Amino acid sequence: MTRALLPGTLEMLILQTLRHGALHGYAISQYIQQASEDVLQVEEGSLYPALQRLLRDGWVVAEWGTSSRKRRVRTYRLTPAGRKQLGREIAGFERLLAGISRVMRPVES
């Protein structure tokens, strides 16, 4: 990533991206980069370990398929448990952002 993320944020971004449908790893990283207007760039060295954690936790499933360019690709899909986890992640992230926002507000004297 070009910008450091809080722990767990990458997993939340991947889960959010997969809400739109099944994607292979490169497409996930491209979506995050485009949606963030190039603020976030997910490197392979971060993406694939995160996907492995999500697979291990049962929040995504993977299957092998063929890309439009006739290449073999592993496609990831959100599970029902992953949708529930995404809801928890978003709620926690919103609480964190609200707390940071309160600290960053100028103090009225």
Protein backbone atom coordinates (compact mmCIF):
# COMPACT_ATOMS: atom_id res chain seq x y z
CA MET A 1 0.00 0.00 0.00
CA THR A 2 1.27 3.46 -0.68
CA ARG A 3 -0.36 4.64 2.52
CA ALA A 4 -0.19 2.70 5.76
CA LEU A 5 -3.56 1.31 6.76
CA LEU A 6 -4.82 0.52 10.20
CA PRO A 7 -4.66 -3.20 11.00
CA GLY A 8 -7.62 -5.05 9.49
CA THR A 9 -8.49 -2.24 7.09
CA LEU A 10 -7.26 -4.10 4.00
CA GLU A 11 -9.48 -7.07 4.83
CA MET A 12 -12.46 -4.72 5.21
CA LEU A 13 -11.70 -3.11 1.83
CA ILE A 14 -11.47 -6.54 0.17
CA LEU A 15 -14.76 -7.67 1.70
CA GLN A 16 -16.43 -4.42 0.60
CA THR A 17 -15.05 -4.87 -2.92
CA LEU A 18 -16.38 -8.43 -3.11
CA ARG A 19 -19.90 -7.24 -2.18
CA HIS A 20 -20.18 -6.29 -5.86
CA GLY A 21 -19.43 -9.83 -7.04
CA ALA A 22 -16.67 -12.39 -7.46
CA LEU A 23 -13.29 -11.07 -8.62
CA HIS A 24 -9.75 -12.32 -9.05
CA GLY A 25 -6.90 -10.79 -7.07
CA TYR A 26 -5.69 -8.30 -9.67
CA ALA A 27 -9.24 -7.02 -10.22
CA ILE A 28 -9.65 -6.55 -6.45
CA SER A 29 -6.49 -4.45 -6.25
CA GLN A 30 -7.49 -2.43 -9.32
CA TYR A 31 -10.97 -1.74 -7.93
CA ILE A 32 -9.55 -0.49 -4.61
CA GLN A 33 -7.06 1.72 -6.42
CA GLN A 34 -9.69 3.19 -8.75
CA ALA A 35 -12.36 3.63 -6.07
CA SER A 36 -9.85 5.42 -3.81
CA GLU A 37 -8.81 7.68 -6.71
CA ASP A 38 -5.26 6.27 -6.55
CA VAL A 39 -4.80 6.99 -2.83
CA LEU A 40 -4.60 3.26 -2.06
CA GLN A 41 -2.50 0.85 -4.08
CA VAL A 42 -2.62 -2.74 -2.90
CA GLU A 43 0.58 -4.65 -3.57
CA GLU A 44 0.55 -8.42 -4.17
CA GLY A 45 2.63 -8.90 -1.03
CA SER A 46 -0.24 -7.46 1.03
CA LEU A 47 -3.25 -8.62 -1.00
CA TYR A 48 -2.66 -12.37 -1.19
CA PRO A 49 -1.83 -12.88 2.50
CA ALA A 50 -5.01 -10.91 3.35
CA LEU A 51 -7.04 -13.10 0.97
CA GLN A 52 -5.57 -16.21 2.62
CA ARG A 53 -6.66 -14.91 6.05
CA LEU A 54 -10.17 -14.25 4.70
CA LEU A 55 -10.30 -17.77 3.22
CA ARG A 56 -9.08 -19.30 6.49
CA ASP A 57 -11.75 -17.41 8.44
CA GLY A 58 -14.50 -18.52 6.04
CA TRP A 59 -15.35 -14.98 4.97
CA VAL A 60 -14.54 -15.63 1.31
CA VAL A 61 -14.38 -18.73 -0.88
CA ALA A 62 -12.21 -19.21 -3.94
CA GLU A 63 -12.48 -21.21 -7.11
CA TRP A 64 -10.32 -21.58 -10.17
CA GLY A 65 -11.56 -20.28 -13.47
CA THR A 66 -10.43 -18.75 -16.74
CA SER A 67 -10.05 -15.03 -17.35
CA SER A 68 -11.24 -13.20 -20.45
CA ARG A 69 -7.64 -13.49 -21.66
CA LYS A 70 -7.81 -17.29 -21.31
CA ARG A 71 -5.55 -17.34 -18.27
CA ARG A 72 -6.18 -19.48 -15.23
CA VAL A 73 -7.23 -17.25 -12.31
CA ARG A 74 -8.44 -17.79 -8.78
CA THR A 75 -11.70 -15.95 -8.21
CA TYR A 76 -12.83 -14.90 -4.73
CA ARG A 77 -16.44 -14.56 -3.57
CA LEU A 78 -17.93 -13.22 -0.35
CA THR A 79 -19.69 -15.76 1.89
CA PRO A 80 -22.73 -15.04 4.10
CA ALA A 81 -20.35 -15.09 7.09
CA GLY A 82 -18.16 -12.58 5.23
CA ARG A 83 -21.15 -10.26 4.76
CA LYS A 84 -21.84 -10.35 8.49
CA GLN A 85 -18.18 -9.72 9.26
CA LEU A 86 -18.16 -6.79 6.84
CA GLY A 87 -21.05 -5.25 8.77
CA ARG A 88 -19.08 -5.60 12.02
CA GLU A 89 -15.95 -4.20 10.40
CA ILE A 90 -17.80 -1.17 9.03
CA ALA A 91 -19.44 -0.45 12.40
CA GLY A 92 -16.08 -0.63 14.18
CA PHE A 93 -14.39 1.51 11.55
CA GLU A 94 -17.12 4.16 11.78
CA ARG A 95 -16.70 4.28 15.58
CA LEU A 96 -12.95 4.68 15.10
CA LEU A 97 -13.40 7.49 12.56
CA ALA A 98 -15.86 9.27 14.87
CA GLY A 99 -13.35 9.07 17.73
CA ILE A 100 -10.53 10.41 15.56
CA SER A 101 -12.81 13.18 14.31
CA ARG A 102 -13.62 14.23 17.88
CA VAL A 103 -9.90 14.43 18.73
CA MET A 104 -9.11 16.41 15.57
CA ARG A 105 -11.80 19.06 16.15
CA PRO A 106 -10.35 22.39 17.24
CA VAL A 107 -10.85 23.05 20.93
CA GLU A 108 -13.14 26.00 21.56
CA SER A 109 -11.69 28.38 24.12
